[in-house]
């Protein structure tokens, strides 16, 4: 293990250790902030498991909505191209 990794692990055990944060907080949704707050709990007993995070995560819900919108947009673009080539 690299010396810098050992130092990072040592610093994380200190009581006054402050976890790193997002640089541009306004670029991220409140749901994402909540997800990080839950997922990055320092105390293992308070930190949810990955399965628990997926069950309650609004981030996952937002991702599903994003993929759905992306798929709809892509489908609409394909349909427009097909219609263009059929009726030009």
Protein backbone atom coordinates (compact mmCIF):
# COMPACT_ATOMS: atom_id res chain seq x y z
CA UNK A 1 0.00 0.00 0.00
CA UNK A 2 1.30 3.44 -0.89
CA UNK A 3 2.36 5.78 1.92
CA UNK A 4 -0.19 8.35 0.74
CA UNK A 5 -2.97 5.72 1.06
CA UNK A 6 -1.84 4.91 4.60
CA UNK A 7 -1.90 8.60 5.47
CA UNK A 8 -5.41 8.96 4.05
CA UNK A 9 -6.61 5.99 6.11
CA UNK A 10 -4.93 7.41 9.21
CA UNK A 11 -6.53 10.83 8.72
CA UNK A 12 -9.96 9.27 8.21
CA UNK A 13 -9.80 7.71 11.67
CA UNK A 14 -9.36 11.09 13.35
CA UNK A 15 -12.39 12.56 15.07
CA UNK A 16 -12.15 15.95 13.38
CA UNK A 17 -11.75 14.49 9.87
CA UNK A 18 -14.04 16.28 7.44
CA UNK A 19 -15.20 14.20 4.48
CA UNK A 20 -14.55 15.65 1.04
CA UNK A 21 -17.49 17.38 -0.61
CA UNK A 22 -18.72 18.34 -4.03
CA UNK A 23 -16.99 21.35 -5.58
CA UNK A 24 -20.01 22.74 -7.44
CA UNK A 25 -22.90 21.91 -5.12
CA UNK A 26 -25.46 23.89 -7.13
CA UNK A 27 -24.93 21.61 -10.17
CA UNK A 28 -26.29 18.58 -8.29
CA UNK A 29 -29.87 17.86 -7.29
CA UNK A 30 -31.06 17.70 -3.69
CA UNK A 31 -31.80 14.00 -4.25
CA UNK A 32 -28.16 13.41 -5.14
CA UNK A 33 -27.02 15.31 -2.04
CA UNK A 34 -29.32 13.15 0.10
CA UNK A 35 -27.98 10.00 -1.53
CA UNK A 36 -24.39 11.02 -0.80
CA UNK A 37 -25.26 11.98 2.75
CA UNK A 38 -26.66 8.48 3.34
CA UNK A 39 -24.06 6.53 1.38
CA UNK A 40 -21.04 8.28 2.88
CA UNK A 41 -21.88 7.85 6.54
CA UNK A 42 -18.61 7.53 8.47
CA UNK A 43 -20.14 5.22 11.10
CA UNK A 44 -20.63 1.76 9.48
CA UNK A 45 -23.62 0.91 11.71
CA UNK A 46 -25.47 4.01 10.49
CA UNK A 47 -24.52 3.51 6.83
CA UNK A 48 -27.12 1.65 4.74
CA UNK A 49 -26.10 -1.30 2.59
CA UNK A 50 -25.98 -0.97 -1.19
CA UNK A 51 -29.27 -2.88 -1.50
CA UNK A 52 -30.95 -0.57 1.02
CA UNK A 53 -29.67 2.48 -0.85
CA UNK A 54 -31.07 1.17 -4.12
CA UNK A 55 -34.48 0.58 -2.52
CA UNK A 56 -34.91 4.07 -1.13
CA UNK A 57 -32.68 6.02 -3.47
CA UNK A 58 -34.25 8.91 -5.34
CA UNK A 59 -31.09 8.99 -7.44
CA UNK A 60 -32.03 5.67 -8.99
CA UNK A 61 -35.55 6.96 -9.66
CA UNK A 62 -34.14 10.09 -11.28
CA UNK A 63 -31.80 7.99 -13.43
CA UNK A 64 -34.68 5.81 -14.61
CA UNK A 65 -36.67 8.92 -15.55
CA UNK A 66 -33.65 10.34 -17.39
CA UNK A 67 -33.18 7.14 -19.40
CA UNK A 68 -36.91 7.12 -20.18
CA UNK A 69 -36.81 10.70 -21.49
CA UNK A 70 -33.65 9.96 -23.45
CA UNK A 71 -35.29 6.92 -25.03
CA UNK A 72 -38.40 8.91 -25.94
CA UNK A 73 -36.27 11.64 -27.52
CA UNK A 74 -34.24 9.10 -29.49
CA UNK A 75 -37.40 7.31 -30.66
CA UNK A 76 -38.95 10.59 -31.80
CA UNK A 77 -35.81 11.55 -33.72
CA UNK A 78 -35.77 8.15 -35.47
CA UNK A 79 -39.43 8.48 -36.36
CA UNK A 80 -38.86 11.94 -37.84
CA UNK A 81 -35.97 10.62 -39.94
CA UNK A 82 -38.05 7.72 -41.21
CA UNK A 83 -40.91 10.02 -42.13
CA UNK A 84 -38.53 12.45 -43.81
CA UNK A 85 -37.05 9.74 -46.03
CA UNK A 86 -40.43 8.18 -46.79
CA UNK A 87 -42.18 11.40 -47.87
CA UNK A 88 -39.52 13.64 -49.34
